[in-house]
Amino acid sequence: MFRFANPEYLYALILIPIFIFLFFMMQYMRKRNIRKIGEGEAMKGMLLDYSATRVYVKFFLLQLGLAMLICCMARPQFGKRLETVKQRGLNIMVALDVSNSMLAEDIRPNRLGKAKQMLTRLVDGLQNDRIGLVVFAGDAYIQLPITADFVSAKMFFSSISTNMVATQGTSIGSAIELCMRSFPEKEGVGKAIIVITDGENHEDDAVQAAALAKEKGINVYVIGMGKPEGAPIPTGNGDFKHDRSGNTVISKLNEEMCGEIAKAGNGTYVRADNTNFAFNHIAKELENISTAEAETKVYSEYNEQFQGLAWLTLILLLLEFFILERESKWFKNKHFFD
């Protein structure tokens, strides 16, 4: 199988026919100007050492060298190469709270918007790992099965909204249990669950679910979204959510609950703010997860093949440089091109 890694550089090859056209135009104009000066034996005497063949050969070598150089820049690749690489193999399931309380704006742009930003940054930092997504409110659903397709993952993250789960509430325990069932059965692969929530759990025993994850060798990390003093919940029509008595509902971050879940799951809890502190902290924690890192033989589908073209380009340019348009006094009796 053959390909160019950077095929856009091949567009530069269009310069070569342009140069050829200009070259022949210049040669035509040169001959016409010579004929204006004079013809016959007199002009042949004046141009005795000049070799038209040398001029054409030099031009041909220069154009061929230019073509080879452009092909080098396009990075030709061919064949397959066996490589030994070390893979960390960490599988990550994210449980994201999409309840209406995540619309509170005590962090910018709001709790859910900040969570989506952190997820995008998390995916950008992954290499040999895989990631999946569970969204939850009153119920929990798999939004993205665990995958190494990071482009698709970021597309899913960007489309997350509070309308994805019809039943309102915050069922953290169900989300953790669903994350545990979503991991593939594979030995020697580190597993982690990242719960992103404001901690207002009213549906189940999230601490017990985190403890069960710990028993299965899965670390549970929690990122708390919001502030303990809380903020009102926008309704989308310029107003805020009210209770039955007409009072504005204030959604507060339950740090105690978040901390208990992380402790039971052998992970850590960190509160998100308007900086990247929470993301950096969790990313560092993930790096410390003990995994069965092993050397794995994998096939690299393409192998670089530009080296031969590079040497050929150098040889062609050197030949063009040493070939003179006029006969050299050292090789005057050697007619290589005439």
Protein backbone atom coordinates (compact mmCIF):
# COMPACT_ATOMS: atom_id res chain seq x y z
CA MET A 1 0.00 0.00 0.00
CA PHE A 2 1.36 3.38 -0.97
CA ARG A 3 0.35 6.89 -0.02
CA PHE A 4 1.58 10.43 0.53
CA ALA A 5 1.24 11.61 4.12
CA ASN A 6 1.03 15.27 3.03
CA PRO A 7 -0.47 15.11 -0.47
CA GLU A 8 -1.25 18.83 -0.48
CA TYR A 9 2.39 19.53 -1.34
CA LEU A 10 1.95 17.72 -4.66
CA TYR A 11 0.02 20.71 -5.95
CA ALA A 12 3.41 22.39 -6.28
CA LEU A 13 4.16 20.05 -9.20
CA ILE A 14 2.06 22.37 -11.37
CA LEU A 15 5.05 24.74 -11.26
CA ILE A 16 7.11 22.37 -13.42
CA PRO A 17 5.06 22.66 -16.67
CA ILE A 18 5.00 26.42 -16.08
CA PHE A 19 8.80 26.49 -15.82
CA ILE A 20 9.08 24.31 -18.96
CA PHE A 21 6.88 26.71 -20.90
CA LEU A 22 8.92 29.71 -19.72
CA PHE A 23 12.18 27.92 -20.55
CA PHE A 24 11.21 27.20 -24.16
CA MET A 25 9.88 30.72 -24.53
CA MET A 26 13.25 32.10 -23.37
CA GLN A 27 15.11 29.77 -25.74
CA TYR A 28 12.94 30.89 -28.64
CA MET A 29 13.49 34.56 -27.81
CA ARG A 30 17.22 33.94 -27.43
CA LYS A 31 17.50 32.36 -30.89
CA ARG A 32 15.45 35.15 -32.41
CA ASN A 33 17.73 37.79 -30.85
CA ILE A 34 20.82 35.96 -32.14
CA ARG A 35 19.40 35.92 -35.66
CA LYS A 36 18.92 39.67 -35.46
CA ILE A 37 22.62 40.10 -34.70
CA GLY A 38 23.83 37.89 -37.49
CA GLU A 39 23.83 34.42 -39.06
CA GLY A 40 26.17 31.97 -40.69
CA GLU A 41 29.75 31.11 -39.90
CA ALA A 42 30.36 34.39 -38.07
CA MET A 43 27.83 33.61 -35.34
CA LYS A 44 29.03 30.02 -35.05
CA GLY A 45 32.49 31.32 -34.34
CA MET A 46 31.23 33.61 -31.60
CA LEU A 47 29.28 30.73 -29.99
CA LEU A 48 31.96 28.09 -30.46
CA ASP A 49 32.09 27.01 -26.81
CA TYR A 50 28.35 27.26 -26.24
CA SER A 51 26.39 23.99 -26.06
CA ALA A 52 22.61 24.07 -26.45
CA THR A 53 22.50 20.41 -25.42
CA ARG A 54 24.13 21.26 -22.10
CA VAL A 55 21.51 23.94 -21.46
CA TYR A 56 18.69 21.46 -22.05
CA VAL A 57 20.34 18.78 -19.92
CA LYS A 58 20.87 21.21 -17.02
CA PHE A 59 17.27 22.35 -17.24
CA PHE A 60 15.99 18.79 -17.36
CA LEU A 61 18.05 17.80 -14.27
CA LEU A 62 16.87 20.89 -12.39
CA GLN A 63 13.19 20.16 -13.09
CA LEU A 64 13.59 16.51 -12.21
CA GLY A 65 15.30 17.49 -8.97
CA LEU A 66 12.50 19.92 -8.18
CA ALA A 67 9.91 17.20 -8.78
CA MET A 68 11.79 14.83 -6.45
CA LEU A 69 12.02 17.53 -3.78
CA ILE A 70 8.28 18.17 -3.92
CA CYS A 71 7.61 14.44 -3.62
CA CYS A 72 9.90 14.32 -0.56
CA MET A 73 7.92 17.11 1.06
CA ALA A 74 4.71 15.13 0.43
CA ARG A 75 6.24 12.27 2.49
CA PRO A 76 5.79 9.08 0.45
CA GLN A 77 4.97 6.07 2.62
CA PHE A 78 4.82 2.43 1.74
CA GLY A 79 4.61 -1.00 3.34
CA LYS A 80 4.13 -2.07 6.94
CA ARG A 81 6.48 -1.95 9.88
CA LEU A 82 6.37 -3.99 13.07
CA GLU A 83 6.91 -1.88 16.18
CA THR A 84 7.09 -2.64 19.87
CA VAL A 85 5.23 -0.07 21.92
CA LYS A 86 4.22 0.32 25.54
CA GLN A 87 0.52 0.85 26.08
CA ARG A 88 -0.90 2.09 29.35
CA GLY A 89 -4.35 0.80 28.44
CA LEU A 90 -6.47 2.91 30.82
CA ASN A 91 -10.24 2.66 30.33
CA ILE A 92 -12.20 5.66 31.55
CA MET A 93 -15.97 5.95 31.99
CA VAL A 94 -17.38 9.42 32.65
CA ALA A 95 -20.68 9.78 34.48
CA LEU A 96 -22.01 13.26 33.71
CA ASP A 97 -24.87 14.88 35.59
CA VAL A 98 -27.33 16.48 33.14
CA SER A 99 -30.04 17.43 35.64
CA ASN A 100 -31.47 20.95 35.44
CA SER A 101 -29.39 22.06 38.41
CA MET A 102 -26.32 21.80 36.16
CA LEU A 103 -27.55 24.95 34.39
CA ALA A 104 -26.75 27.07 37.45
CA GLU A 105 -24.23 29.78 36.58
CA ASP A 106 -22.07 29.91 39.71
CA ILE A 107 -19.20 28.88 37.41
CA ARG A 108 -18.85 30.03 33.82
CA PRO A 109 -20.50 29.57 31.42
CA ASN A 110 -22.54 27.28 33.66
CA ARG A 111 -21.94 24.00 35.46
CA LEU A 112 -22.74 21.83 32.43
CA GLY A 113 -20.84 24.06 30.00
CA LYS A 114 -17.73 23.93 32.19
CA ALA A 115 -18.03 20.14 32.46
CA LYS A 116 -18.14 19.81 28.66
CA GLN A 117 -15.01 21.97 28.36
CA MET A 118 -13.17 19.71 30.81
CA LEU A 119 -14.23 16.57 28.94
CA THR A 120 -12.92 17.97 25.67
CA ARG A 121 -9.57 18.76 27.28
CA LEU A 122 -9.49 15.29 28.82
CA VAL A 123 -9.95 13.62 25.43
CA ASP A 124 -7.26 15.84 23.87
CA GLY A 125 -4.79 14.46 26.41
CA LEU A 126 -5.58 10.78 25.83
CA GLN A 127 -3.27 8.58 23.75
CA ASN A 128 -3.55 4.82 24.24
CA ASP A 129 -6.54 5.10 26.56
CA ARG A 130 -10.24 4.69 25.83
CA ILE A 131 -13.21 6.66 27.07
CA GLY A 132 -16.97 6.24 27.39
CA LEU A 133 -19.83 8.40 28.63
CA VAL A 134 -22.90 7.86 30.80
CA VAL A 135 -25.35 10.71 31.28
CA PHE A 136 -27.68 10.76 34.23
CA ALA A 137 -30.36 12.72 36.03
CA GLY A 138 -33.24 10.71 37.53
CA ASP A 139 -32.12 7.80 35.35
CA ALA A 140 -28.77 6.86 33.79
CA TYR A 141 -28.10 6.04 30.13
CA ILE A 142 -25.04 5.09 28.08
CA GLN A 143 -24.44 7.97 25.70
CA LEU A 144 -21.11 6.72 24.32
CA PRO A 145 -19.81 3.14 24.67
CA ILE A 146 -16.17 2.99 25.62
CA THR A 147 -14.08 3.80 22.56
CA ALA A 148 -10.74 5.05 21.26
CA ASP A 149 -12.48 7.17 18.62
CA PHE A 150 -11.75 10.53 20.22
CA VAL A 151 -13.19 12.54 17.32
CA SER A 152 -16.59 10.93 17.82
CA ALA A 153 -16.26 11.31 21.57
CA LYS A 154 -15.81 15.07 21.29
CA MET A 155 -18.80 15.26 18.96
CA PHE A 156 -20.93 13.52 21.58
CA PHE A 157 -19.64 15.82 24.31
CA SER A 158 -20.54 18.93 22.33
CA SER A 159 -24.14 17.75 21.91
CA ILE A 160 -24.82 17.10 25.61
CA SER A 161 -27.79 18.98 27.10
CA THR A 162 -30.17 18.71 30.05
CA ASN A 163 -32.87 17.43 27.68
CA MET A 164 -31.12 14.10 27.21
CA VAL A 165 -32.77 12.53 30.28
CA ALA A 166 -36.49 13.10 30.70
CA THR A 167 -36.68 12.08 34.36
CA GLN A 168 -35.29 14.77 36.63
CA GLY A 169 -33.27 14.01 39.74
CA THR A 170 -29.67 13.02 40.45
CA SER A 171 -29.18 9.26 40.46
CA ILE A 172 -25.43 9.08 40.99
CA GLY A 173 -25.45 5.49 42.24
CA SER A 174 -27.22 4.21 39.12
CA ALA A 175 -24.72 6.06 36.95
CA ILE A 176 -21.75 4.47 38.75
CA GLU A 177 -23.30 0.99 38.44
CA LEU A 178 -23.92 1.51 34.73
CA CYS A 179 -20.33 2.66 34.27
CA MET A 180 -19.08 -0.51 35.97
CA ARG A 181 -21.12 -2.68 33.60
CA SER A 182 -19.79 -0.75 30.59
CA PHE A 183 -16.15 -1.74 31.05
CA PRO A 184 -14.92 -4.55 28.78
CA GLU A 185 -13.69 -7.67 30.54
CA LYS A 186 -9.94 -7.44 30.06
CA GLU A 187 -7.21 -8.19 32.55
CA GLY A 188 -4.31 -5.85 33.16
CA VAL A 189 -6.14 -2.71 32.07
CA GLY A 190 -6.62 0.13 34.52
CA LYS A 191 -10.18 1.32 35.04
CA ALA A 192 -11.49 4.62 36.36
CA ILE A 193 -14.85 6.33 36.72
CA ILE A 194 -15.07 10.11 36.74
CA VAL A 195 -18.32 11.44 38.19
CA ILE A 196 -19.07 15.05 37.29
CA THR A 197 -21.96 16.37 39.36
CA ASP A 198 -23.18 19.02 41.77
CA GLY A 199 -23.76 16.24 44.32
CA GLU A 200 -27.47 16.77 44.91
CA ASN A 201 -28.16 13.02 45.11
CA HIS A 202 -31.72 12.15 46.05
CA GLU A 203 -32.32 8.83 44.34
CA ASP A 204 -30.00 6.07 45.61
CA ASP A 205 -26.94 5.13 47.64
CA ALA A 206 -24.07 6.51 45.57
CA VAL A 207 -21.52 5.80 48.32
CA GLN A 208 -22.38 2.11 48.32
CA ALA A 209 -22.07 1.98 44.52
CA ALA A 210 -18.63 3.62 44.73
CA ALA A 211 -17.54 1.10 47.36
CA LEU A 212 -18.61 -1.75 45.06
CA ALA A 213 -16.53 -0.21 42.26
CA LYS A 214 -13.53 -0.14 44.57
CA GLU A 215 -13.97 -3.87 45.28
CA LYS A 216 -13.77 -4.48 41.53
CA GLY A 217 -10.54 -2.53 41.23
CA ILE A 218 -12.16 0.57 39.73
CA ASN A 219 -11.23 3.97 41.10
CA VAL A 220 -14.00 6.56 41.37
CA TYR A 221 -13.10 10.23 41.06
CA VAL A 222 -15.56 13.04 41.62
CA ILE A 223 -15.51 16.58 40.22
CA GLY A 224 -17.92 18.87 42.04
CA MET A 225 -19.62 21.47 39.85
CA GLY A 226 -20.75 24.71 41.47
CA LYS A 227 -20.27 26.47 44.77
CA PRO A 228 -21.43 25.56 48.27
CA GLU A 229 -23.39 28.83 48.52
CA GLY A 230 -25.20 27.85 45.36
CA ALA A 231 -26.95 29.74 42.58
CA PRO A 232 -30.46 29.91 41.05
CA ILE A 233 -31.38 27.64 38.14
CA PRO A 234 -32.25 29.45 34.89
CA THR A 235 -35.42 28.30 33.15
CA GLY A 236 -34.46 29.61 29.74
CA ASN A 237 -37.06 32.36 29.54
CA GLY A 238 -35.22 34.97 31.54
CA ASP A 239 -36.51 33.69 34.88
CA PHE A 240 -35.33 31.20 37.49
CA LYS A 241 -36.84 28.01 38.84
CA HIS A 242 -39.23 28.45 41.77
CA ASP A 243 -40.61 26.01 44.32
CA ARG A 244 -44.30 25.50 45.05
CA SER A 245 -44.25 28.41 47.49
CA GLY A 246 -42.93 30.75 44.80
CA ASN A 247 -39.44 31.00 46.27
CA THR A 248 -36.40 30.92 43.97
CA VAL A 249 -34.70 27.53 44.11
CA ILE A 250 -31.01 27.75 45.00
CA SER A 251 -28.94 24.77 43.86
CA LYS A 252 -25.97 24.21 46.16
CA LEU A 253 -22.93 22.02 45.61
CA ASN A 254 -23.02 19.12 48.06
CA GLU A 255 -19.30 18.78 48.75
CA GLU A 256 -19.85 16.39 51.65
CA MET A 257 -21.65 13.92 49.41
CA CYS A 258 -19.03 14.25 46.64
CA GLY A 259 -16.20 13.66 49.09
CA GLU A 260 -17.86 10.57 50.56
CA ILE A 261 -18.35 9.05 47.10
CA ALA A 262 -14.72 9.62 46.13
CA LYS A 263 -13.45 8.24 49.44
CA ALA A 264 -15.56 5.10 49.14
CA GLY A 265 -14.34 4.62 45.54
CA ASN A 266 -10.63 4.93 46.44
CA GLY A 267 -10.44 8.14 44.40
CA THR A 268 -10.24 11.84 45.10
CA TYR A 269 -12.68 14.72 45.08
CA VAL A 270 -11.95 18.13 43.63
CA ARG A 271 -14.21 21.14 43.15
CA ALA A 272 -14.31 22.81 39.76
CA ASP A 273 -13.99 26.57 39.44
CA ASN A 274 -13.37 29.05 36.63
CA THR A 275 -9.76 27.84 36.25
CA ASN A 276 -8.35 24.53 35.00
CA PHE A 277 -7.33 23.35 38.46
CA ALA A 278 -9.91 20.55 38.70
CA PHE A 279 -9.06 19.14 35.27
CA ASN A 280 -5.30 19.24 35.92
CA HIS A 281 -5.77 17.53 39.28
CA ILE A 282 -7.85 14.66 37.88
CA ALA A 283 -5.54 14.25 34.86
CA LYS A 284 -2.60 13.85 37.25
CA GLU A 285 -4.51 11.33 39.35
CA LEU A 286 -5.28 9.24 36.26
CA GLU A 287 -1.58 9.09 35.44
CA ASN A 288 -0.93 7.51 38.83
CA ILE A 289 -3.36 4.63 38.34
CA SER A 290 -1.43 1.37 38.45
CA THR A 291 -1.84 -0.52 35.18
CA ALA A 292 -0.23 -3.61 33.74
CA GLU A 293 1.87 -1.73 31.24
CA ALA A 294 3.28 -4.18 28.77
CA GLU A 295 5.27 -4.19 25.58
CA THR A 296 2.95 -4.90 22.68
CA LYS A 297 3.91 -5.59 19.09
CA VAL A 298 1.79 -3.54 16.73
CA TYR A 299 1.93 -2.88 13.02
CA SER A 300 2.54 0.60 11.79
CA GLU A 301 0.60 0.64 8.54
CA TYR A 302 2.94 2.98 6.70
CA ASN A 303 6.72 3.33 6.63
CA GLU A 304 8.48 6.51 5.51
CA GLN A 305 10.11 6.18 2.08
CA PHE A 306 11.35 9.71 1.38
CA GLN A 307 15.02 8.92 2.05
CA GLY A 308 15.70 7.47 -1.40
CA LEU A 309 14.05 10.44 -3.10
CA ALA A 310 16.09 12.82 -0.97
CA TRP A 311 19.37 11.22 -2.06
CA LEU A 312 18.25 11.21 -5.70
CA THR A 313 17.34 14.90 -5.44
CA LEU A 314 20.80 15.72 -4.06
CA ILE A 315 22.54 13.78 -6.86
CA LEU A 316 20.47 15.49 -9.57
CA LEU A 317 21.16 18.96 -8.17
CA LEU A 318 24.89 18.23 -7.91
CA LEU A 319 24.97 17.05 -11.53
CA GLU A 320 23.14 20.17 -12.64
CA PHE A 321 25.62 22.34 -10.72
CA PHE A 322 28.75 20.76 -12.24
CA ILE A 323 27.50 20.73 -15.83
CA LEU A 324 28.45 24.04 -17.44
CA GLU A 325 26.69 25.66 -20.36
CA ARG A 326 30.08 26.17 -22.06
CA GLU A 327 32.85 23.67 -22.51
CA SER A 328 35.39 23.61 -19.71
CA LYS A 329 39.04 24.02 -20.55
CA TRP A 330 39.75 20.81 -18.60
CA PHE A 331 37.29 18.81 -20.70
CA LYS A 332 37.60 20.70 -23.96
CA ASN A 333 38.45 17.60 -25.94
CA LYS A 334 35.74 15.50 -24.24
CA HIS A 335 32.39 15.85 -26.01
CA PHE A 336 29.90 14.39 -23.56
CA PHE A 337 26.87 16.24 -24.89
CA ASP A 338 27.84 17.39 -28.42
